[in-house]
Amino acid sequence: MSGLDSPRGLAFGPEGALYVTEAGRGAGVVASPATDPGCFPGPAGGLMCYGSTGAVSRLWRGEQARVATGLPSTAMPDGNRGTGPTDIVLGPGHAYLTMGLENNPMRRGEFPAIPELAGLASLVHLAASGQSRFVADVGAYEAANNPDGRLTDDGRPHLDTNPYGLVRFPGGHLMTDAGANALLRVRADGDIALIAVFQSRGSSPPRPSFAPAPFPAIADAVPTSVVLGPDGAYYVSELTGVPFVDTRANVYRVVPADEPQMFSIQDACLTGFKMILDMAFDDEGNLYVLQHATGAIQQTGPGVLIRVAPDKDQSGICAQYQAGTRTTVLGGLSRPTSVVIGPDGAIYVANKGTTMAGGEVLRFEPPAK
């Protein structure tokens, strides 16, 4: 697939078609963002601009087409680095989408000229007709609960929400909120409950960044994908916060319980990665880990896909993957964002995931094991 606007989540439908969410291009290229009523301050300085350019595209019998359009999207004034439709879970005749925000949820109500911002930071149901229906307001949950406990310098809740990964769960879905450093359960009726929090700046003790000066000494977890493992547990990956130090991104094994759980870096099931955006297990239990970038610090190198073949001689499943064999099966990627194993056994990767009109999906056969 090609010509995509910031492609993100990949999934195969029951009919065998490949679907990809497009976070969109916001308003596209905006000549004067400082005076454009559709632009607003981004979370890290600069401006983001709104447009209804989020979409879902499908590859079916060799034909690529957008099957849902007009979804909320924000992007930089040049149309790149879209935020909008992120992950997708498919069922017969419908789908569920996470809608990102990557900002303070209160921002959604601060700009009367952009009422459509209310559609972001949410879980959305998508019908076969392409019509979307609001299911749950994840941003409102963050504003009311601030699960990671992070505070601003003046002691107020530091609010940040970015619904990201999604997986089916009995009675609803599990969702990562990359901004809130949390794993949430969202029921079919829209009820939201906290499953887990990952050590962050708001934790006690706070999460160290392991970065040299002048970078911050503490960082966030930034949980990204959540997938069901071969053992029936759920596995959560993390991006980690700026400056994205190599070997410090982890994978956590989560068994949902009656009470919320706190995961520190010492609780990681699998360690030693960088900037993980997605994961997938194949039928043999191999874990594919997609790194958005490489390099000792920041985003200085290409993305890679790493296969972890478990060592079945180890007694526990986390020990099996930690002691397993790691192989780079695909390198030289450009800001990859998602990976899925197809029903044909091939591996599909969303590449150029922050690019307007330049995003693509690659297909390749897995190398011999």
Protein backbone atom coordinates (compact mmCIF):
# COMPACT_ATOMS: atom_id res chain seq x y z
CA MET A 1 0.00 0.00 0.00
CA SER A 2 1.18 3.55 -0.67
CA GLY A 3 0.11 7.19 -0.63
CA LEU A 4 -1.06 6.99 3.00
CA ASP A 5 -1.32 9.91 5.44
CA SER A 6 0.62 9.00 8.61
CA PRO A 7 -0.31 5.27 8.64
CA ARG A 8 -0.61 3.71 12.08
CA GLY A 9 -2.47 0.55 13.06
CA LEU A 10 -2.61 -2.57 10.88
CA ALA A 11 -5.13 -5.41 11.13
CA PHE A 12 -6.64 -8.13 8.99
CA GLY A 13 -10.40 -8.42 8.74
CA PRO A 14 -12.43 -11.64 8.91
CA GLU A 15 -12.65 -11.64 5.11
CA GLY A 16 -8.86 -11.50 4.78
CA ALA A 17 -8.54 -7.85 3.76
CA LEU A 18 -5.76 -5.69 5.22
CA TYR A 19 -6.84 -2.50 6.98
CA VAL A 20 -4.69 0.45 8.02
CA THR A 21 -5.63 3.52 10.02
CA GLU A 22 -4.43 6.86 8.72
CA ALA A 23 -3.86 9.50 11.39
CA GLY A 24 -4.38 12.03 8.62
CA ARG A 25 -2.74 15.26 7.51
CA GLY A 26 -4.68 17.66 9.73
CA ALA A 27 -5.53 20.66 7.58
CA GLY A 28 -2.82 19.76 5.08
CA VAL A 29 -0.31 22.46 4.21
CA VAL A 30 -1.26 25.65 6.11
CA ALA A 31 0.42 28.77 4.77
CA SER A 32 -0.19 31.02 7.81
CA PRO A 33 -0.71 28.78 10.85
CA ALA A 34 -0.19 31.61 13.35
CA THR A 35 -3.39 33.29 12.16
CA ASP A 36 -5.36 30.24 11.05
CA PRO A 37 -8.38 29.60 13.35
CA GLY A 38 -7.92 25.86 12.85
CA CYS A 39 -4.46 25.81 14.43
CA PHE A 40 -3.65 25.62 18.13
CA PRO A 41 -0.59 25.15 20.39
CA GLY A 42 0.96 21.69 20.31
CA PRO A 43 2.13 19.81 23.42
CA ALA A 44 5.82 20.56 22.91
CA GLY A 45 5.72 24.00 21.33
CA GLY A 46 4.82 24.86 17.78
CA LEU A 47 1.35 24.58 16.30
CA MET A 48 -0.95 21.76 15.29
CA CYS A 49 -3.74 22.26 12.76
CA TYR A 50 -7.08 20.46 12.59
CA GLY A 51 -8.75 18.87 9.59
CA SER A 52 -11.18 16.00 8.99
CA THR A 53 -8.54 13.98 7.14
CA GLY A 54 -8.29 10.88 9.30
CA ALA A 55 -9.19 7.69 7.46
CA VAL A 56 -9.14 3.91 7.26
CA SER A 57 -7.82 2.29 4.09
CA ARG A 58 -8.29 -1.29 2.95
CA LEU A 59 -6.34 -3.58 0.64
CA TRP A 60 -8.72 -6.18 -0.74
CA ARG A 61 -8.11 -8.40 -3.75
CA GLY A 62 -5.31 -6.17 -4.96
CA GLU A 63 -7.32 -2.94 -4.73
CA GLN A 64 -6.44 -0.17 -2.26
CA ALA A 65 -9.26 2.17 -1.21
CA ARG A 66 -10.30 4.37 1.69
CA VAL A 67 -13.34 2.81 3.33
CA ALA A 68 -13.79 5.48 6.01
CA THR A 69 -12.96 9.17 5.68
CA GLY A 70 -13.68 12.45 7.43
CA LEU A 71 -12.30 11.35 10.80
CA PRO A 72 -10.67 13.89 13.15
CA SER A 73 -6.99 14.65 12.60
CA THR A 74 -4.37 17.13 13.72
CA ALA A 75 -0.96 17.58 12.16
CA MET A 76 1.90 20.01 11.86
CA PRO A 77 1.31 22.94 9.49
CA ASP A 78 3.12 21.05 6.75
CA GLY A 79 0.67 18.13 7.05
CA ASN A 80 3.18 15.70 8.55
CA ARG A 81 3.12 13.90 11.91
CA GLY A 82 -0.61 13.35 11.97
CA THR A 83 -2.53 12.45 15.13
CA GLY A 84 -5.96 10.88 14.80
CA PRO A 85 -7.10 7.31 14.07
CA THR A 86 -4.40 5.11 15.59
CA ASP A 87 -5.12 1.45 16.29
CA ILE A 88 -7.89 -0.74 14.90
CA VAL A 89 -9.63 -3.93 16.02
CA LEU A 90 -11.91 -5.60 13.47
CA GLY A 91 -14.99 -7.76 13.80
CA PRO A 92 -17.68 -8.96 11.39
CA GLY A 93 -18.98 -5.82 9.67
CA HIS A 94 -17.49 -3.31 12.10
CA ALA A 95 -14.33 -1.98 13.72
CA TYR A 96 -13.17 -0.11 16.79
CA LEU A 97 -10.60 2.69 16.56
CA THR A 98 -8.50 4.55 19.09
CA MET A 99 -8.43 8.27 18.35
CA GLY A 100 -5.23 9.92 19.58
CA LEU A 101 -4.69 13.46 20.85
CA GLU A 102 -1.17 13.70 22.31
CA ASN A 103 -2.14 16.76 24.35
CA ASN A 104 -3.94 18.00 27.43
CA PRO A 105 -7.58 16.83 27.06
CA MET A 106 -8.80 20.21 28.31
CA ARG A 107 -7.44 21.73 25.11
CA ARG A 108 -10.35 20.18 23.24
CA GLY A 109 -12.74 22.76 24.68
CA GLU A 110 -10.48 25.80 24.53
CA PHE A 111 -10.87 26.55 20.83
CA PRO A 112 -14.48 27.33 19.81
CA ALA A 113 -13.44 27.49 16.16
CA ILE A 114 -12.47 23.80 16.30
CA PRO A 115 -15.38 21.96 18.00
CA GLU A 116 -14.34 18.78 16.18
CA LEU A 117 -11.42 18.39 18.60
CA ALA A 118 -13.98 16.77 20.92
CA GLY A 119 -13.80 13.67 18.72
CA LEU A 120 -10.17 13.03 19.63
CA ALA A 121 -8.90 11.18 22.74
CA SER A 122 -11.67 8.62 22.40
CA LEU A 123 -12.72 5.12 21.40
CA VAL A 124 -14.86 5.05 18.26
CA HIS A 125 -17.04 2.35 16.70
CA LEU A 126 -16.88 2.21 12.90
CA ALA A 127 -19.71 0.56 10.97
CA ALA A 128 -19.29 -1.21 7.63
CA SER A 129 -20.89 1.85 6.00
CA GLY A 130 -17.98 3.99 7.19
CA GLN A 131 -20.12 5.83 9.73
CA SER A 132 -18.44 6.37 13.10
CA ARG A 133 -20.02 6.37 16.56
CA PHE A 134 -18.48 7.72 19.75
CA VAL A 135 -18.05 5.00 22.41
CA ALA A 136 -15.89 6.38 25.24
CA ASP A 137 -14.24 9.68 26.17
CA VAL A 138 -10.73 8.70 27.24
CA GLY A 139 -9.69 12.34 27.56
CA ALA A 140 -12.42 12.98 30.13
CA TYR A 141 -11.19 9.98 32.11
CA GLU A 142 -7.66 11.41 32.16
CA ALA A 143 -8.96 14.82 33.26
CA ALA A 144 -10.95 13.29 36.11
CA ASN A 145 -8.41 10.72 37.31
CA ASN A 146 -4.84 11.53 36.16
CA PRO A 147 -3.88 7.88 36.83
CA ASP A 148 -0.11 8.33 36.66
CA GLY A 149 -0.25 11.09 39.29
CA ARG A 150 2.03 13.45 37.43
CA LEU A 151 1.88 17.08 38.62
CA THR A 152 2.85 20.41 37.13
CA ASP A 153 5.46 22.62 38.78
CA ASP A 154 2.70 24.45 40.68
CA GLY A 155 1.16 21.22 41.97
CA ARG A 156 -1.79 20.84 39.61
CA PRO A 157 -2.51 17.58 37.74
CA HIS A 158 -0.35 17.29 34.65
CA LEU A 159 -2.91 16.11 32.11
CA ASP A 160 -1.86 14.31 28.95
CA THR A 161 -3.79 11.77 26.91
CA ASN A 162 -3.09 9.85 23.73
CA PRO A 163 -5.20 6.68 23.25
CA TYR A 164 -3.00 4.32 21.28
CA GLY A 165 -2.92 0.49 21.33
CA LEU A 166 -6.11 -1.59 21.33
CA VAL A 167 -6.93 -5.28 21.78
CA ARG A 168 -10.11 -7.24 22.45
CA PHE A 169 -10.90 -8.10 26.05
CA PRO A 170 -13.94 -9.95 27.46
CA GLY A 171 -16.82 -7.46 27.42
CA GLY A 172 -14.86 -4.75 25.61
CA HIS A 173 -11.25 -3.78 24.94
CA LEU A 174 -7.94 -3.04 26.61
CA MET A 175 -6.36 0.24 25.53
CA THR A 176 -3.05 1.93 26.20
CA ASP A 177 -3.09 5.65 26.88
CA ALA A 178 0.41 6.70 25.88
CA GLY A 179 -0.04 10.14 27.41
CA ALA A 180 -1.46 8.93 30.72
CA ASN A 181 1.10 6.10 31.10
CA ALA A 182 -1.81 3.74 31.71
CA LEU A 183 -3.55 0.58 30.51
CA LEU A 184 -7.34 0.96 30.54
CA ARG A 185 -10.30 -1.37 30.18
CA VAL A 186 -13.12 0.07 28.09
CA ARG A 187 -16.40 -1.84 28.18
CA ALA A 188 -18.88 -1.93 25.31
CA ASP A 189 -21.08 0.58 27.16
CA GLY A 190 -18.21 3.09 27.38
CA ASP A 191 -17.31 2.48 31.04
CA ILE A 192 -13.56 3.01 31.63
CA ALA A 193 -11.51 1.39 34.40
CA LEU A 194 -7.82 1.49 35.23
CA ILE A 195 -5.93 -1.80 34.80
CA ALA A 196 -2.30 -0.71 35.18
CA VAL A 197 0.00 2.29 35.50
CA PHE A 198 3.60 2.29 34.29
CA GLN A 199 6.40 4.02 36.17
CA SER A 200 6.68 7.62 35.00
CA ARG A 201 7.58 11.10 36.13
CA GLY A 202 4.60 11.04 38.48
CA SER A 203 5.57 7.78 40.16
CA SER A 204 7.32 7.35 43.48
CA PRO A 205 10.16 6.88 42.82
CA PRO A 206 10.01 8.57 39.41
CA ARG A 207 11.25 6.76 36.34
CA PRO A 208 14.90 7.65 35.53
CA SER A 209 15.63 8.70 31.95
CA PHE A 210 19.19 7.29 31.96
CA ALA A 211 20.10 10.28 29.77
CA PRO A 212 23.21 12.45 29.98
CA ALA A 213 22.99 16.18 30.71
CA PRO A 214 21.39 18.43 29.57
CA PHE A 215 18.50 16.02 29.02
CA PRO A 216 15.92 15.51 31.81
CA ALA A 217 16.89 13.11 34.57
CA ILE A 218 13.41 11.59 34.67
CA ALA A 219 11.14 10.35 31.89
CA ASP A 220 7.79 8.74 31.14
CA ALA A 221 6.99 5.17 30.13
CA VAL A 222 4.70 6.06 27.16
CA PRO A 223 2.96 2.66 26.74
CA THR A 224 2.19 1.97 23.09
CA SER A 225 0.96 -1.42 21.87
CA VAL A 226 -0.98 -4.02 23.83
CA VAL A 227 -1.24 -7.56 22.42
CA LEU A 228 -2.51 -10.91 23.60
CA GLY A 229 0.33 -13.35 24.22
CA PRO A 230 0.44 -17.11 23.57
CA ASP A 231 0.03 -17.72 27.31
CA GLY A 232 -3.21 -15.73 27.56
CA ALA A 233 -1.57 -12.74 29.27
CA TYR A 234 -1.38 -9.27 27.74
CA TYR A 235 1.91 -7.69 26.72
CA VAL A 236 2.45 -3.92 26.73
CA SER A 237 5.34 -2.18 24.98
CA GLU A 238 6.71 1.26 25.70
CA LEU A 239 8.23 4.07 23.70
CA THR A 240 9.78 5.79 26.75
CA GLY A 241 10.01 9.56 26.94
CA VAL A 242 12.48 12.04 25.53
CA PRO A 243 15.37 11.61 24.83
CA PHE A 244 14.62 7.95 23.92
CA VAL A 245 17.73 6.29 25.31
CA ASP A 246 18.70 3.02 23.61
CA THR A 247 18.12 -0.26 25.51
CA ARG A 248 15.67 1.40 27.95
CA ALA A 249 12.35 0.49 26.32
CA ASN A 250 10.69 -2.54 27.90
CA VAL A 251 7.88 -5.02 27.42
CA TYR A 252 5.57 -5.78 30.36
CA ARG A 253 3.44 -8.86 30.96
CA VAL A 254 0.05 -7.91 32.41
CA VAL A 255 -2.59 -10.21 33.85
CA PRO A 256 -5.61 -7.97 34.57
CA ALA A 257 -6.74 -8.15 38.20
CA ASP A 258 -9.54 -6.73 40.31
CA GLU A 259 -7.39 -3.80 41.44
CA PRO A 260 -5.10 -1.55 39.36
CA GLN A 261 -1.46 -2.61 39.22
CA MET A 262 1.68 -0.47 39.25
CA PHE A 263 4.55 -1.60 37.01
CA SER A 264 8.06 -0.31 37.65
CA ILE A 265 10.96 -0.87 35.28
CA GLN A 266 12.12 -3.68 37.57
CA ASP A 267 8.88 -5.52 36.71
CA ALA A 268 9.60 -5.63 32.97
CA CYS A 269 9.21 -9.00 31.28
CA LEU A 270 11.57 -8.15 28.43
CA THR A 271 14.17 -5.36 28.28
CA GLY A 272 16.80 -3.82 26.05
CA PHE A 273 14.87 -2.12 23.23
CA LYS A 274 14.31 1.41 22.00
CA MET A 275 11.15 3.29 21.00
CA ILE A 276 8.81 0.32 20.58
CA LEU A 277 5.61 1.25 18.75
CA ASP A 278 4.13 -2.17 18.06
CA MET A 279 4.53 -5.92 18.60
CA ALA A 280 3.10 -9.13 17.19
CA PHE A 281 3.30 -12.82 18.08
CA ASP A 282 3.36 -15.44 15.34
CA ASP A 283 1.81 -18.92 15.56
CA GLU A 284 5.07 -20.39 16.88
CA GLY A 285 5.29 -17.93 19.76
CA ASN A 286 8.02 -15.75 18.27
CA LEU A 287 7.67 -12.11 19.26
CA TYR A 288 8.23 -9.40 16.65
CA VAL A 289 9.20 -6.02 18.16
CA LEU A 290 8.99 -2.91 15.99
CA GLN A 291 11.39 -0.12 16.93
CA HIS A 292 10.48 3.30 15.57
CA ALA A 293 14.14 4.35 15.49
CA THR A 294 17.65 3.35 16.55
CA GLY A 295 20.75 5.18 17.77
CA ALA A 296 22.15 5.78 21.23
CA ILE A 297 19.84 8.70 21.93
CA GLN A 298 16.95 10.52 20.24
CA GLN A 299 15.70 9.42 16.80
CA THR A 300 19.06 9.30 15.08
CA GLY A 301 18.83 6.00 13.21
CA PRO A 302 16.41 3.99 11.07
CA GLY A 303 13.64 1.80 12.41
CA VAL A 304 14.07 -1.97 12.73
CA LEU A 305 11.96 -5.06 13.25
CA ILE A 306 13.42 -7.55 15.73
CA ARG A 307 12.30 -11.15 16.17
CA VAL A 308 12.67 -12.70 19.61
CA ALA A 309 12.62 -16.50 19.47
CA PRO A 310 11.98 -17.80 23.00
CA ASP A 311 14.33 -20.21 24.72
CA LYS A 312 11.90 -22.95 25.72
CA ASP A 313 14.45 -24.47 28.11
CA GLN A 314 13.79 -21.64 30.58
CA SER A 315 11.15 -22.22 33.25
CA GLY A 316 9.08 -19.01 33.01
CA ILE A 317 7.69 -17.33 29.92
CA CYS A 318 9.41 -14.00 30.61
CA ALA A 319 12.68 -15.84 31.17
CA GLN A 320 12.15 -17.63 27.86
CA TYR A 321 11.91 -14.38 25.92
CA GLN A 322 14.64 -12.61 27.90
CA ALA A 323 17.05 -15.48 27.19
CA GLY A 324 15.75 -15.95 23.65
CA THR A 325 17.51 -15.26 20.36
CA ARG A 326 17.10 -11.77 18.93
CA THR A 327 17.39 -11.31 15.19
CA THR A 328 16.95 -8.13 13.16
CA VAL A 329 14.69 -9.36 10.38
CA LEU A 330 14.08 -5.99 8.71
CA GLY A 331 16.24 -2.88 8.94
CA GLY A 332 16.52 0.49 7.23
CA LEU A 333 12.91 1.44 8.00
CA SER A 334 11.73 5.05 8.05
CA ARG A 335 9.60 5.84 11.14
CA PRO A 336 7.70 2.52 11.13
CA THR A 337 4.55 2.44 13.23
CA SER A 338 2.84 -0.96 13.10
CA VAL A 339 3.44 -4.66 12.42
CA VAL A 340 1.04 -7.55 11.87
CA ILE A 341 1.42 -11.19 10.86
CA GLY A 342 -0.90 -11.94 7.94
CA PRO A 343 -3.05 -15.03 7.43
CA ASP A 344 -0.59 -15.91 4.65
CA GLY A 345 2.25 -16.03 7.17
CA ALA A 346 3.89 -12.91 5.71
CA ILE A 347 4.85 -9.90 7.80
CA TYR A 348 3.32 -6.50 7.12
CA VAL A 349 4.85 -3.24 8.39
CA ALA A 350 3.46 0.30 8.24
CA ASN A 351 6.38 2.51 7.20
CA LYS A 352 6.92 6.25 6.84
CA GLY A 353 4.31 6.56 9.54
CA THR A 354 4.63 10.30 10.12
CA THR A 355 4.50 11.39 6.48
CA MET A 356 1.69 13.10 4.58
CA ALA A 357 0.85 11.17 1.39
CA GLY A 358 4.10 9.20 1.63
CA GLY A 359 3.10 6.47 4.08
CA GLU A 360 3.26 2.87 2.94
CA VAL A 361 2.73 -0.73 4.01
CA LEU A 362 5.50 -3.22 3.27
CA ARG A 363 5.08 -6.98 2.91
CA PHE A 364 7.87 -9.51 3.26
CA GLU A 365 8.29 -13.18 3.93
CA PRO A 366 9.75 -14.04 7.34
CA PRO A 367 13.33 -15.26 7.14
CA ALA A 368 14.17 -18.86 7.97
CA LYS A 369 14.28 -19.52 11.69
